PDB file of N, CA and C in Angstrom:
ATOM      1  N   MET A   1      74.756  70.676  80.309  1.00  0.00           N
ATOM      2  CA  MET A   1      73.548  69.984  80.179  1.00  0.00           C
ATOM      3  C   MET A   1      72.842  69.510  80.650  1.00  0.00           C
ATOM      4  N   ILE A   2      71.861  69.704  80.224  1.00  0.00           N
ATOM      5  CA  ILE A   2      71.084  68.607  81.165  1.00  0.00           C
ATOM      6  C   ILE A   2      70.053  67.567  80.271  1.00  0.00           C
ATOM      7  N   TYR A   3      69.414  66.544  80.435  1.00  0.00           N
ATOM      8  CA  TYR A   3      69.111  65.610  79.524  1.00  0.00           C
ATOM      9  C   TYR A   3      68.135  64.340  80.490  1.00  0.00           C
ATOM     10  N   GLY A   4      66.891  63.611  79.709  1.00  0.00           N
ATOM     11  CA  GLY A   4      66.335  62.650  80.380  1.00  0.00           C
ATOM     12  C   GLY A   4      65.223  62.715  80.193  1.00  0.00           C
ATOM     13  N   ASP A   5      64.101  61.457  80.523  1.00  0.00           N
ATOM     14  CA  ASP A   5      62.888  61.237  79.909  1.00  0.00           C
ATOM     15  C   ASP A   5      62.856  61.475  78.591  1.00  0.00           C
ATOM     16  N   LYS A   6      64.014  60.425  78.045  1.00  0.00           N
ATOM     17  CA  LYS A   6      63.413  60.449  76.578  1.00  0.00           C
ATOM     18  C   LYS A   6      63.875  61.607  75.954  1.00  0.00           C
ATOM     19  N   GLN A   7      63.767  63.242  76.267  1.00  0.00           N
ATOM     20  CA  GLN A   7      63.922  64.211  75.794  1.00  0.00           C
ATOM     21  C   GLN A   7      65.611  64.527  75.068  1.00  0.00           C
ATOM     22  N   PRO A   8      65.413  65.463  73.767  1.00  0.00           N
ATOM     23  CA  PRO A   8      67.406  65.772  73.397  1.00  0.00           C
ATOM     24  C   PRO A   8      67.713  66.592  74.266  1.00  0.00           C
ATOM     25  N   PRO A   9      68.427  66.761  74.765  1.00  0.00           N
ATOM     26  CA  PRO A   9      69.440  67.280  75.842  1.00  0.00           C
ATOM     27  C   PRO A   9      69.289  68.662  75.173  1.00  0.00           C
ATOM     28  N   MET A  10      69.688  69.835  76.442  1.00  0.00           N
ATOM     29  CA  MET A  10      69.781  70.488  76.307  1.00  0.00           C
ATOM     30  C   MET A  10      70.781  71.654  77.203  1.00  0.00           C
ATOM     31  N   MET A  11      71.277  72.646  76.263  1.00  0.00           N
ATOM     32  CA  MET A  11      72.347  73.124  77.200  1.00  0.00           C
ATOM     33  C   MET A  11      71.908  74.302  78.206  1.00  0.00           C
ATOM     34  N   ILE A  12      72.429  74.325  78.960  1.00  0.00           N
ATOM     35  CA  ILE A  12      71.458  75.792  79.738  1.00  0.00           C
ATOM     36  C   ILE A  12      73.225  76.109  80.050  1.00  0.00           C
ATOM     37  N   ALA A  13      73.118  77.839  80.804  1.00  0.00           N
ATOM     38  CA  ALA A  13      73.879  78.213  81.316  1.00  0.00           C
ATOM     39  C   ALA A  13      73.725  78.956  82.588  1.00  0.00           C
ATOM     40  N   VAL A  14      74.796  78.871  82.790  1.00  0.00           N
ATOM     41  CA  VAL A  14      74.748  79.879  84.287  1.00  0.00           C
ATOM     42  C   VAL A  14      75.722  81.269  84.306  1.00  0.00           C
ATOM     43  N   GLU A  15      74.838  82.021  85.148  1.00  0.00           N
ATOM     44  CA  GLU A  15      75.789  83.246  84.782  1.00  0.00           C
ATOM     45  C   GLU A  15      77.302  83.162  85.395  1.00  0.00           C
ATOM     46  N   PRO A  16      78.161  84.018  85.120  1.00  0.00           N
ATOM     47  CA  PRO A  16      79.533  83.368  86.243  1.00  0.00           C
ATOM     48  C   PRO A  16      79.457  84.275  87.259  1.00  0.00           C
ATOM     49  N   LYS A  17      79.018  85.433  87.420  1.00  0.00           N
ATOM     50  CA  LYS A  17      78.620  86.368  87.821  1.00  0.00           C
ATOM     51  C   LYS A  17      78.020  85.521  89.667  1.00  0.00           C
ATOM     52  N   SER A  18      76.819  84.946  88.932  1.00  0.00           N
ATOM     53  CA  SER A  18      75.852  84.178  89.903  1.00  0.00           C
ATOM     54  C   SER A  18      77.107  83.420  90.758  1.00  0.00           C
ATOM     55  N   VAL A  19      77.224  82.265  90.027  1.00  0.00           N
ATOM     56  CA  VAL A  19      78.290  80.725  90.928  1.00  0.00           C
ATOM     57  C   VAL A  19      79.290  81.726  91.554  1.00  0.00           C
ATOM     58  N   GLU A  20      79.881  83.129  91.352  1.00  0.00           N
ATOM     59  CA  GLU A  20      80.737  83.433  92.001  1.00  0.00           C
ATOM     60  C   GLU A  20      79.834  84.155  93.371  1.00  0.00           C
ATOM     61  N   ARG A  21      78.873  84.712  92.926  1.00  0.00           N
ATOM     62  CA  ARG A  21      78.103  85.400  94.596  1.00  0.00           C
ATOM     63  C   ARG A  21      77.913  83.977  94.915  1.00  0.00           C
ATOM     64  N   GLU A  22      77.505  82.818  95.198  1.00  0.00           N
ATOM     65  CA  GLU A  22      77.076  82.051  96.148  1.00  0.00           C
ATOM     66  C   GLU A  22      78.211  81.382  96.612  1.00  0.00           C
ATOM     67  N   MET A  23      79.714  81.285  95.677  1.00  0.00           N
ATOM     68  CA  MET A  23      80.945  80.601  96.111  1.00  0.00           C
ATOM     69  C   MET A  23      81.179  81.511  97.310  1.00  0.00           C
ATOM     70  N   HIS A  24      80.728  82.380  97.332  1.00  0.00           N
ATOM     71  CA  HIS A  24      81.197  83.829  98.887  1.00  0.00           C
ATOM     72  C   HIS A  24      80.417  83.464  99.608  1.00  0.00           C
ATOM     73  N   LYS A  25      78.978  83.012  99.614  1.00  0.00           N
ATOM     74  CA  LYS A  25      78.202  82.820 100.776  1.00  0.00           C
ATOM     75  C   LYS A  25      79.075  81.726 101.993  1.00  0.00           C
ATOM     76  N   GLU A  26      78.888  82.479 103.141  1.00  0.00           N
ATOM     77  CA  GLU A  26      79.211  81.403 104.327  1.00  0.00           C
ATOM     78  C   GLU A  26      78.961  79.891 103.873  1.00  0.00           C
ATOM     79  N   GLY A  27      79.307  79.095 104.260  1.00  0.00           N
ATOM     80  CA  GLY A  27      78.931  77.500 104.090  1.00  0.00           C
ATOM     81  C   GLY A  27      79.337  76.880 103.010  1.00  0.00           C
ATOM     82  N   PHE A  28      79.379  77.606 101.596  1.00  0.00           N
ATOM     83  CA  PHE A  28      79.217  77.079 100.839  1.00  0.00           C
ATOM     84  C   PHE A  28      80.162  75.775 100.100  1.00  0.00           C
ATOM     85  N   PHE A  29      81.152  75.736 100.841  1.00  0.00           N
ATOM     86  CA  PHE A  29      82.097  74.485 100.343  1.00  0.00           C
ATOM     87  C   PHE A  29      81.347  73.728 101.223  1.00  0.00           C
ATOM     88  N   ASN A  30      80.645  73.614 102.456  1.00  0.00           N
ATOM     89  CA  ASN A  30      80.590  72.783 103.340  1.00  0.00           C
ATOM     90  C   ASN A  30      79.170  71.781 102.937  1.00  0.00           C
ATOM     91  N   HIS A  31      78.319  72.562 102.026  1.00  0.00           N
ATOM     92  CA  HIS A  31      77.606  71.490 101.568  1.00  0.00           C
ATOM     93  C   HIS A  31      77.728  70.661 100.432  1.00  0.00           C
ATOM     94  N   ARG A  32      77.194  69.455 100.420  1.00  0.00           N
ATOM     95  CA  ARG A  32      77.281  68.180  99.376  1.00  0.00           C
ATOM     96  C   ARG A  32      76.066  68.260  98.761  1.00  0.00           C
ATOM     97  N   LEU A  33      76.417  68.308  97.340  1.00  0.00           N
ATOM     98  CA  LEU A  33      75.221  67.976  96.622  1.00  0.00           C
ATOM     99  C   LEU A  33      74.978  66.522  95.844  1.00  0.00           C
ATOM    100  N   GLU A  34      73.929  66.321  96.117  1.00  0.00           N
ATOM    101  CA  GLU A  34      73.713  65.043  95.418  1.00  0.00           C
ATOM    102  C   GLU A  34      73.282  64.935  94.029  1.00  0.00           C
ATOM    103  N   ILE A  35      73.848  63.714  93.211  1.00  0.00           N
ATOM    104  CA  ILE A  35      73.608  64.196  91.894  1.00  0.00           C
ATOM    105  C   ILE A  35      73.310  62.087  91.558  1.00  0.00           C
ATOM    106  N   GLU A  36      71.452  62.546  91.049  1.00  0.00           N
ATOM    107  CA  GLU A  36      71.490  60.994  90.940  1.00  0.00           C
ATOM    108  C   GLU A  36      71.234  60.348  89.450  1.00  0.00           C
ATOM    109  N   VAL A  37      71.636  59.740  88.603  1.00  0.00           N
ATOM    110  CA  VAL A  37      71.454  59.502  87.376  1.00  0.00           C
ATOM    111  C   VAL A  37      70.496  58.194  87.473  1.00  0.00           C
ATOM    112  N   ASP A  38      69.114  58.906  86.558  1.00  0.00           N
ATOM    113  CA  ASP A  38      68.038  57.736  86.871  1.00  0.00           C
ATOM    114  C   ASP A  38      68.131  57.073  85.547  1.00  0.00           C
ATOM    115  N   GLY A  39      68.306  55.788  85.030  1.00  0.00           N
ATOM    116  CA  GLY A  39      68.577  55.665  83.530  1.00  0.00           C
ATOM    117  C   GLY A  39      69.463  55.125  82.941  1.00  0.00           C
ATOM    118  N   ARG A  40      69.134  53.650  82.479  1.00  0.00           N
ATOM    119  CA  ARG A  40      70.683  53.422  81.728  1.00  0.00           C
ATOM    120  C   ARG A  40      71.823  53.219  82.487  1.00  0.00           C
ATOM    121  N   VAL A  41      71.749  52.755  83.642  1.00  0.00           N
ATOM    122  CA  VAL A  41      72.790  52.624  85.117  1.00  0.00           C
ATOM    123  C   VAL A  41      72.974  51.246  85.117  1.00  0.00           C
ATOM    124  N   GLY A  42      74.130  50.547  84.558  1.00  0.00           N
ATOM    125  CA  GLY A  42      74.863  49.321  84.059  1.00  0.00           C
ATOM    126  C   GLY A  42      75.750  48.661  84.899  1.00  0.00           C
ATOM    127  N   PRO A  43      76.074  48.022  84.679  1.00  0.00           N
ATOM    128  CA  PRO A  43      77.737  47.423  85.550  1.00  0.00           C
ATOM    129  C   PRO A  43      79.149  48.177  84.521  1.00  0.00           C
ATOM    130  N   GLU A  44      78.140  47.903  83.007  1.00  0.00           N
ATOM    131  CA  GLU A  44      79.614  48.770  82.125  1.00  0.00           C
ATOM    132  C   GLU A  44      79.725  50.074  81.956  1.00  0.00           C
ATOM    133  N   ASN A  45      78.625  50.852  83.126  1.00  0.00           N
ATOM    134  CA  ASN A  45      78.701  52.421  83.150  1.00  0.00           C
ATOM    135  C   ASN A  45      78.776  53.156  84.719  1.00  0.00           C
ATOM    136  N   ILE A  46      78.518  52.013  85.392  1.00  0.00           N
ATOM    137  CA  ILE A  46      78.595  52.817  86.499  1.00  0.00           C
ATOM    138  C   ILE A  46      79.477  53.662  87.473  1.00  0.00           C
ATOM    139  N   ARG A  47      80.708  51.975  86.957  1.00  0.00           N
ATOM    140  CA  ARG A  47      82.192  53.488  87.574  1.00  0.00           C
ATOM    141  C   ARG A  47      82.476  54.778  87.576  1.00  0.00           C
ATOM    142  N   ALA A  48      82.364  54.886  85.785  1.00  0.00           N
ATOM    143  CA  ALA A  48      82.716  56.403  85.480  1.00  0.00           C
ATOM    144  C   ALA A  48      82.002  57.158  85.814  1.00  0.00           C
ATOM    145  N   LEU A  49      80.242  56.735  85.736  1.00  0.00           N
ATOM    146  CA  LEU A  49      79.402  57.869  86.185  1.00  0.00           C
ATOM    147  C   LEU A  49      79.627  58.150  87.872  1.00  0.00           C
ATOM    148  N   ALA A  50      79.788  57.149  88.867  1.00  0.00           N
ATOM    149  CA  ALA A  50      80.729  57.579  90.376  1.00  0.00           C
ATOM    150  C   ALA A  50      82.081  58.138  90.188  1.00  0.00           C
ATOM    151  N   ASP A  51      82.482  58.004  89.352  1.00  0.00           N
ATOM    152  CA  ASP A  51      83.951  58.968  88.765  1.00  0.00           C
ATOM    153  C   ASP A  51      83.865  60.449  88.354  1.00  0.00           C
ATOM    154  N   ALA A  52      82.518  60.592  87.857  1.00  0.00           N
ATOM    155  CA  ALA A  52      81.930  61.739  87.348  1.00  0.00           C
ATOM    156  C   ALA A  52      81.655  62.824  88.307  1.00  0.00           C
ATOM    157  N   GLY A  53      80.837  62.114  89.540  1.00  0.00           N
ATOM    158  CA  GLY A  53      79.823  62.483  90.526  1.00  0.00           C
ATOM    159  C   GLY A  53      79.035  62.233  91.121  1.00  0.00           C
ATOM    160  N   MET A  54      77.797  60.671  90.097  1.00  0.00           N
ATOM    161  CA  MET A  54      77.222  60.142  91.168  1.00  0.00           C
ATOM    162  C   MET A  54      76.584  60.125  92.391  1.00  0.00           C
ATOM    163  N   THR A  55      75.436  60.461  93.113  1.00  0.00           N
ATOM    164  CA  THR A  55      76.379  59.884  94.526  1.00  0.00           C
ATOM    165  C   THR A  55      74.797  58.794  94.532  1.00  0.00           C
ATOM    166  N   ILE A  56      73.775  59.089  94.089  1.00  0.00           N
ATOM    167  CA  ILE A  56      72.790  58.202  93.566  1.00  0.00           C
ATOM    168  C   ILE A  56      72.495  57.243  92.349  1.00  0.00           C
ATOM    169  N   ALA A  57      72.548  55.928  92.316  1.00  0.00           N
ATOM    170  CA  ALA A  57      72.506  55.335  90.907  1.00  0.00           C
ATOM    171  C   ALA A  57      71.157  54.616  91.112  1.00  0.00           C
ATOM    172  N   VAL A  58      70.204  54.914  89.738  1.00  0.00           N
ATOM    173  CA  VAL A  58      68.930  54.274  89.945  1.00  0.00           C
ATOM    174  C   VAL A  58      69.300  53.451  88.722  1.00  0.00           C
ATOM    175  N   ALA A  59      68.970  51.872  89.201  1.00  0.00           N
ATOM    176  CA  ALA A  59      69.059  51.123  88.328  1.00  0.00           C
ATOM    177  C   ALA A  59      68.287  50.149  87.829  1.00  0.00           C
ATOM    178  N   GLY A  60      67.365  50.145  88.405  1.00  0.00           N
ATOM    179  CA  GLY A  60      65.805  48.918  88.358  1.00  0.00           C
ATOM    180  C   GLY A  60      66.283  47.979  87.373  1.00  0.00           C
ATOM    181  N   THR A  61      66.841  48.163  86.109  1.00  0.00           N
ATOM    182  CA  THR A  61      66.814  47.203  85.351  1.00  0.00           C
ATOM    183  C   THR A  61      67.522  45.983  85.863  1.00  0.00           C
ATOM    184  N   SER A  62      68.439  47.279  85.434  1.00  0.00           N
ATOM    185  CA  SER A  62      69.799  45.826  85.713  1.00  0.00           C
ATOM    186  C   SER A  62      69.659  45.492  87.316  1.00  0.00           C
ATOM    187  N   VAL A  63      69.103  45.821  88.309  1.00  0.00           N
ATOM    188  CA  VAL A  63      68.702  45.023  89.158  1.00  0.00           C
ATOM    189  C   VAL A  63      67.974  44.017  89.476  1.00  0.00           C
ATOM    190  N   PHE A  64      67.014  44.104  88.422  1.00  0.00           N
ATOM    191  CA  PHE A  64      65.861  43.288  88.519  1.00  0.00           C
ATOM    192  C   PHE A  64      66.008  42.473  87.117  1.00  0.00           C
ATOM    193  N   ASP A  65      67.504  42.479  86.748  1.00  0.00           N
ATOM    194  CA  ASP A  65      67.518  41.284  85.165  1.00  0.00           C
ATOM    195  C   ASP A  65      67.092  40.357  85.546  1.00  0.00           C
ATOM    196  N   PRO A  66      66.162  39.809  84.888  1.00  0.00           N
ATOM    197  CA  PRO A  66      65.543  38.677  85.036  1.00  0.00           C
ATOM    198  C   PRO A  66      66.629  37.268  85.414  1.00  0.00           C
ATOM    199  N   ARG A  67      67.824  37.484  84.461  1.00  0.00           N
ATOM    200  CA  ARG A  67      68.702  36.596  83.894  1.00  0.00           C
ATOM    201  C   ARG A  67      70.035  36.641  85.158  1.00  0.00           C
ATOM    202  N   ALA A  68      69.355  36.862  86.566  1.00  0.00           N
ATOM    203  CA  ALA A  68      69.855  36.305  87.682  1.00  0.00           C
ATOM    204  C   ALA A  68      69.641  37.169  88.739  1.00  0.00           C
ATOM    205  N   PRO A  69      69.350  36.456  90.261  1.00  0.00           N
ATOM    206  CA  PRO A  69      68.715  36.674  91.251  1.00  0.00           C
ATOM    207  C   PRO A  69      69.317  38.108  91.562  1.00  0.00           C
ATOM    208  N   VAL A  70      68.077  39.119  92.370  1.00  0.00           N
ATOM    209  CA  VAL A  70      68.186  40.558  92.799  1.00  0.00           C
ATOM    210  C   VAL A  70      69.820  40.090  92.693  1.00  0.00           C
ATOM    211  N   ALA A  71      70.357  39.901  94.487  1.00  0.00           N
ATOM    212  CA  ALA A  71      71.226  39.955  95.070  1.00  0.00           C
ATOM    213  C   ALA A  71      72.729  39.983  94.418  1.00  0.00           C
ATOM    214  N   ALA A  72      72.376  38.797  93.262  1.00  0.00           N
ATOM    215  CA  ALA A  72      73.719  38.473  92.410  1.00  0.00           C
ATOM    216  C   ALA A  72      73.658  40.066  91.542  1.00  0.00           C
ATOM    217  N   ASN A  73      72.870  40.537  91.017  1.00  0.00           N
ATOM    218  CA  ASN A  73      72.836  42.090  89.994  1.00  0.00           C
ATOM    219  C   ASN A  73      73.392  42.759  91.188  1.00  0.00           C
ATOM    220  N   VAL A  74      72.616  43.212  92.228  1.00  0.00           N
ATOM    221  CA  VAL A  74      73.521  44.180  92.966  1.00  0.00           C
ATOM    222  C   VAL A  74      74.707  44.309  93.458  1.00  0.00           C
ATOM    223  N   ARG A  75      75.521  42.849  93.667  1.00  0.00           N
ATOM    224  CA  ARG A  75      76.756  42.213  93.105  1.00  0.00           C
ATOM    225  C   ARG A  75      77.356  43.043  92.659  1.00  0.00           C
ATOM    226  N   VAL A  76      77.315  42.414  91.260  1.00  0.00           N
ATOM    227  CA  VAL A  76      78.012  42.731  89.887  1.00  0.00           C
ATOM    228  C   VAL A  76      78.005  44.091  89.998  1.00  0.00           C
ATOM    229  N   LEU A  77      76.779  45.089  90.356  1.00  0.00           N
ATOM    230  CA  LEU A  77      76.504  46.597  90.610  1.00  0.00           C
ATOM    231  C   LEU A  77      78.114  47.334  91.516  1.00  0.00           C
ATOM    232  N   ARG A  78      77.808  46.263  92.722  1.00  0.00           N
ATOM    233  CA  ARG A  78      78.876  46.986  93.919  1.00  0.00           C
ATOM    234  C   ARG A  78      80.483  46.574  93.670  1.00  0.00           C
ATOM    235  N   ALA A  79      80.167  45.498  92.457  1.00  0.00           N
ATOM    236  CA  ALA A  79      82.053  45.307  92.068  1.00  0.00           C
ATOM    237  C   ALA A  79      82.374  46.292  91.217  1.00  0.00           C
ATOM    238  N   ALA A  80      80.771  46.469  90.193  1.00  0.00           N
ATOM    239  CA  ALA A  80      81.843  47.540  89.361  1.00  0.00           C
ATOM    240  C   ALA A  80      81.689  49.152  89.380  1.00  0.00           C
ATOM    241  N   CYS A  81      81.875  49.172  90.787  1.00  0.00           N
ATOM    242  CA  CYS A  81      82.156  50.238  91.686  1.00  0.00           C
ATOM    243  C   CYS A  81      83.012  50.184  92.706  1.00  0.00           C
ATOM    244  N   GLY A  82      83.609  48.949  92.547  1.00  0.00           N
ATOM    245  CA  GLY A  82      85.211  49.168  93.225  1.00  0.00           C
ATOM    246  C   GLY A  82      84.463  49.027  94.990  1.00  0.00           C
ATOM    247  N   LEU A  83      83.352  47.940  94.651  1.00  0.00           N
ATOM    248  CA  LEU A  83      82.631  48.690  96.335  1.00  0.00           C
ATOM    249  C   LEU A  83      82.705  47.140  96.896  1.00  0.00           C
ATOM    250  N   ARG A  84      83.060  46.490  98.159  1.00  0.00           N
ATOM    251  CA  ARG A  84      83.139  45.651  98.623  1.00  0.00           C
ATOM    252  C   ARG A  84      81.535  45.128  99.494  1.00  0.00           C
ATOM    253  N   GLU A  85      81.678  43.972  99.267  1.00  0.00           N
ATOM    254  CA  GLU A  85      80.280  43.158 100.110  1.00  0.00           C
ATOM    255  C   GLU A  85      80.657  44.236 101.388  1.00  0.00           C
ATOM    256  N   SER A  86      78.980  44.572 101.793  1.00  0.00           N
ATOM    257  CA  SER A  86      78.271  44.684 102.488  1.00  0.00           C
ATOM    258  C   SER A  86      78.500  43.775 103.805  1.00  0.00           C
ATOM    259  N   ALA A  87      78.680  44.033 105.594  1.00  0.00           N
ATOM    260  CA  ALA A  87      78.116  43.065 106.192  1.00  0.00           C
ATOM    261  C   ALA A  87      76.970  42.855 106.263  1.00  0.00           C
TER     262      ALA A  87
END
């Protein structure tokens, strides 16, 4: 399923033969895929998104929330993900 840009979700289909063919290519399991989530990422869902495979979070509204300093907002997001403070 693909969704975003304020458009309704759209189902996609991938031919099983295509997936199988790609899986048998040399190096398939050595590739790292980046999964970016852009929009509505906040402390209440960032951990679930990360657990589901998200590798990049675009969390502008949460980071620049005027109710707290940017650094504090970033700490909240990192803590919600289970990450420690960076050195």
